């Protein structure tokens, strides 16, 4: 009994002491605990672990931020090493520049093909015409020009997407016929476009085609 009474009195003393200390404001006047900024994420909060915090590390990289904020340039080549793409920022504006180094060679090959076709040589690899006879290759367009036409007239669509629609495909051929005749392989440089379509207006001007948006080019 004496032992139990002693334990009860001890517990009451501890509780009273803790309560008294809780009321003592001097306990709140100690030094503030240090906050390690590197251990906390600045983007969405929480602690940095091995599985997060990448965006936060980029935010803390002042050198990278200043480099991207200012002028910069990056160059890269395609697998064939004949197209160089340059991306960068100059005077606060982003830009993309593409250069293809075999454009003149492709134009020369197209000219040679036209000569042979006009002389009566048959291309066994050419597509069949609607009448079932072997025709001739229509064009050999450099990749950067095909991409430029897609961006200028078809909202950035690639040739591989455009040619799935017969109307857009015919309009693409009209642009090649009008603006890039050096890359036409068909005899006499005239493409046998099967349907009559209006010349597409540039995306910055109007819609791709239709009624009043007809650009009027022949």
Protein backbone atom coordinates (compact mmCIF):
# COMPACT_ATOMS: atom_id res chain seq x y z
CA UNK A 1 0.00 0.00 0.00
CA UNK A 2 2.80 2.40 0.89
CA UNK A 3 4.51 1.73 -2.45
CA UNK A 4 1.34 2.40 -4.45
CA UNK A 5 0.74 5.61 -2.51
CA UNK A 6 4.31 6.75 -3.23
CA UNK A 7 3.90 6.07 -6.97
CA UNK A 8 0.61 7.99 -7.05
CA UNK A 9 2.14 11.01 -5.30
CA UNK A 10 5.11 10.95 -7.72
CA UNK A 11 2.80 10.91 -10.76
CA UNK A 12 0.81 13.86 -9.40
CA UNK A 13 4.02 15.78 -8.80
CA UNK A 14 5.23 15.23 -12.38
CA UNK A 15 1.86 16.24 -13.84
CA UNK A 16 1.73 19.38 -11.72
CA UNK A 17 5.30 20.26 -12.65
CA UNK A 18 4.60 19.84 -16.40
CA UNK A 19 1.46 21.93 -16.08
CA UNK A 20 3.33 24.63 -14.24
CA UNK A 21 6.08 24.62 -16.91
CA UNK A 22 3.46 24.82 -19.63
CA UNK A 23 2.26 28.07 -18.10
CA UNK A 24 5.83 29.35 -17.83
CA UNK A 25 6.44 31.54 -20.90
CA UNK A 26 10.19 31.46 -20.39
CA UNK A 27 10.16 28.09 -22.14
CA UNK A 28 9.12 29.90 -25.37
CA UNK A 29 11.95 32.39 -25.28
CA UNK A 30 14.69 29.96 -26.32
CA UNK A 31 16.47 30.03 -29.72
CA UNK A 32 14.37 29.21 -32.80
CA UNK A 33 15.15 25.83 -34.39
CA UNK A 34 17.10 26.12 -37.61
CA UNK A 35 15.16 25.49 -40.85
CA UNK A 36 17.21 23.74 -43.51
CA UNK A 37 15.97 25.15 -46.82
CA UNK A 38 17.79 22.48 -48.80
CA UNK A 39 15.83 19.76 -47.03
CA UNK A 40 12.43 21.18 -47.99
CA UNK A 41 10.91 21.45 -51.47
CA UNK A 42 10.16 24.95 -52.64
CA UNK A 43 7.76 23.97 -55.44
CA UNK A 44 5.02 22.02 -53.63
CA UNK A 45 6.34 21.76 -50.09
CA UNK A 46 7.35 18.72 -48.07
CA UNK A 47 10.72 17.13 -47.52
CA UNK A 48 13.16 16.41 -50.32
CA UNK A 49 13.65 12.69 -50.86
CA UNK A 50 15.37 10.53 -53.46
CA UNK A 51 12.12 10.40 -55.44
CA UNK A 52 11.17 14.06 -55.70
CA UNK A 53 12.58 17.55 -55.66
CA UNK A 54 13.95 17.59 -59.23
CA UNK A 55 11.91 20.66 -60.17
CA UNK A 56 12.97 22.29 -56.95
CA UNK A 57 16.64 21.68 -57.71
CA UNK A 58 16.15 23.34 -61.09
CA UNK A 59 14.50 26.31 -59.38
CA UNK A 60 17.53 26.63 -57.11
CA UNK A 61 19.98 26.47 -60.04
CA UNK A 62 20.56 30.20 -60.56
CA UNK A 63 23.18 29.64 -63.27
CA UNK A 64 20.80 27.51 -65.34
CA UNK A 65 17.94 29.97 -64.83
CA UNK A 66 20.03 32.94 -65.93
CA UNK A 67 21.32 31.02 -68.94
CA UNK A 68 17.82 30.13 -70.12
CA UNK A 69 16.52 33.61 -69.41
CA UNK A 70 19.19 35.18 -71.59
CA UNK A 71 20.26 34.40 -75.15
CA UNK A 72 21.23 30.81 -75.91
CA UNK A 73 21.57 28.43 -78.86
CA UNK A 74 21.55 24.67 -79.34
CA UNK A 75 22.36 22.74 -82.53
CA UNK A 76 21.60 19.14 -83.42
CA UNK A 77 21.69 16.89 -86.51
CA UNK A 78 19.38 14.16 -87.74
CA UNK A 79 20.57 10.58 -88.05
CA UNK A 80 21.63 11.09 -91.66
CA UNK A 81 23.64 14.17 -90.67
CA UNK A 82 22.19 16.18 -93.58
CA UNK A 83 19.75 18.32 -91.59
CA UNK A 84 20.84 20.70 -88.84
CA UNK A 85 18.23 22.07 -86.46
CA UNK A 86 19.14 25.13 -84.41
CA UNK A 87 16.94 26.19 -81.51
CA UNK A 88 17.59 29.12 -79.24
CA UNK A 89 16.56 32.45 -77.83
CA UNK A 90 17.70 35.79 -79.15
CA UNK A 91 16.61 39.20 -77.86
CA UNK A 92 13.98 37.51 -75.71
CA UNK A 93 12.42 35.53 -78.58
CA UNK A 94 12.62 31.79 -79.18
CA UNK A 95 13.40 30.55 -82.69
CA UNK A 96 13.86 27.35 -84.67
CA UNK A 97 16.08 27.24 -87.76
CA UNK A 98 16.43 24.22 -90.05
CA UNK A 99 19.13 23.68 -92.67
CA UNK A 100 19.26 20.80 -95.14
CA UNK A 101 22.57 20.37 -96.91
CA UNK A 102 21.49 18.21 -99.85
CA UNK A 103 18.73 20.45 -101.23
CA UNK A 104 20.66 21.38 -104.39
CA UNK A 105 21.54 17.74 -105.01
CA UNK A 106 17.85 16.76 -104.75
CA UNK A 107 16.89 19.49 -107.23
CA UNK A 108 19.54 18.21 -109.67
CA UNK A 109 18.22 14.66 -109.36
CA UNK A 110 14.68 15.87 -110.06
CA UNK A 111 15.87 17.69 -113.19
CA UNK A 112 17.64 14.53 -114.42
CA UNK A 113 14.54 12.45 -113.73
CA UNK A 114 12.36 14.85 -115.76
CA UNK A 115 14.76 14.67 -118.70
CA UNK A 116 14.70 10.88 -118.73
CA UNK A 117 10.92 10.80 -118.39
CA UNK A 118 10.45 13.28 -121.23
CA UNK A 119 12.80 11.15 -123.36
CA UNK A 120 10.48 8.18 -122.86
CA UNK A 121 12.37 6.20 -120.26
CA UNK A 122 10.09 4.13 -118.00
CA UNK A 123 10.55 4.09 -114.23
CA UNK A 124 9.64 0.56 -113.04
CA UNK A 125 9.36 1.83 -109.46
CA UNK A 126 6.90 4.60 -110.33
CA UNK A 127 3.29 4.40 -109.11
CA UNK A 128 0.46 3.16 -111.31
CA UNK A 129 -1.80 5.77 -112.90
CA UNK A 130 -5.63 5.59 -112.79
CA UNK A 131 -5.60 3.90 -116.24
CA UNK A 132 -3.41 1.12 -114.87
CA UNK A 133 -0.26 2.16 -116.70
CA UNK A 134 3.06 2.87 -115.01
CA UNK A 135 3.43 6.60 -114.46
CA UNK A 136 6.28 8.65 -113.07
CA UNK A 137 7.40 9.78 -109.67
CA UNK A 138 5.61 13.02 -108.80
CA UNK A 139 8.16 14.83 -106.64
CA UNK A 140 11.22 14.49 -104.44
CA UNK A 141 10.72 17.15 -101.79
CA UNK A 142 13.42 17.99 -99.21
CA UNK A 143 12.24 17.32 -95.69
CA UNK A 144 12.63 20.89 -94.48
CA UNK A 145 10.55 22.24 -97.39
CA UNK A 146 7.78 19.72 -96.74
CA UNK A 147 7.81 20.76 -93.09
CA UNK A 148 7.75 24.45 -94.04
CA UNK A 149 4.72 23.96 -96.29
CA UNK A 150 2.94 22.16 -93.46
CA UNK A 151 3.66 25.00 -91.06
CA UNK A 152 2.77 27.77 -93.53
CA UNK A 153 -0.43 26.33 -94.96
CA UNK A 154 -1.68 23.38 -92.90
CA UNK A 155 -1.32 24.33 -89.25
CA UNK A 156 1.91 22.38 -88.73
CA UNK A 157 0.62 19.06 -90.09
CA UNK A 158 3.26 16.81 -91.60
CA UNK A 159 3.15 15.56 -95.19
CA UNK A 160 2.49 12.04 -93.88
CA UNK A 161 -0.71 13.32 -92.27
CA UNK A 162 -1.75 15.63 -95.13
CA UNK A 163 -1.56 12.95 -97.80
CA UNK A 164 -4.20 10.88 -96.00
CA UNK A 165 -6.83 13.43 -97.06
CA UNK A 166 -7.31 13.76 -100.83
CA UNK A 167 -8.29 17.46 -100.66
CA UNK A 168 -5.38 18.51 -98.47
CA UNK A 169 -3.05 16.33 -100.52
CA UNK A 170 -4.15 18.06 -103.74
CA UNK A 171 -3.65 21.46 -102.12
CA UNK A 172 -0.18 20.43 -100.98
CA UNK A 173 0.64 19.51 -104.58
CA UNK A 174 -0.59 22.91 -105.72
CA UNK A 175 1.83 24.64 -103.35
CA UNK A 176 4.72 22.50 -104.62
CA UNK A 177 3.70 23.22 -108.22
CA UNK A 178 3.55 26.97 -107.61
CA UNK A 179 6.39 27.60 -105.18
CA UNK A 180 8.83 24.67 -105.46
CA UNK A 181 8.77 23.46 -109.12
CA UNK A 182 12.45 22.50 -108.98
CA UNK A 183 11.51 19.43 -106.94
CA UNK A 184 8.87 18.09 -109.34
CA UNK A 185 9.90 14.88 -111.09
CA UNK A 186 6.90 14.54 -113.38
CA UNK A 187 7.51 15.20 -117.11
CA UNK A 188 7.46 18.87 -118.11
CA UNK A 189 7.18 19.83 -114.42
CA UNK A 190 3.39 19.67 -114.39
CA UNK A 191 1.74 17.52 -111.72
CA UNK A 192 -1.42 15.66 -112.81
CA UNK A 193 -3.45 16.73 -109.78
CA UNK A 194 -6.64 14.63 -110.04
CA UNK A 195 -9.08 17.06 -108.42
CA UNK A 196 -9.56 20.80 -108.72
CA UNK A 197 -8.99 22.51 -105.37
CA UNK A 198 -8.45 26.15 -104.39
CA UNK A 199 -4.96 27.28 -103.52
CA UNK A 200 -4.62 27.19 -99.70
CA UNK A 201 -4.25 30.44 -97.81
CA UNK A 202 -1.49 30.68 -95.26
CA UNK A 203 -2.49 29.80 -91.74
CA UNK A 204 -1.61 33.30 -90.52
CA UNK A 205 -3.99 34.74 -93.12
CA UNK A 206 -7.08 32.55 -93.10
CA UNK A 207 -8.36 29.00 -93.13
CA UNK A 208 -6.81 26.23 -95.19
CA UNK A 209 -9.46 26.50 -97.90
CA UNK A 210 -13.15 27.24 -98.55
CA UNK A 211 -15.15 29.88 -100.34
CA UNK A 212 -14.10 33.39 -99.41
CA UNK A 213 -10.74 32.17 -98.08
CA UNK A 214 -9.54 31.26 -101.54
CA UNK A 215 -6.10 32.83 -101.91
CA UNK A 216 -6.45 33.26 -105.67
CA UNK A 217 -3.05 31.88 -106.70
CA UNK A 218 -2.81 30.01 -110.00
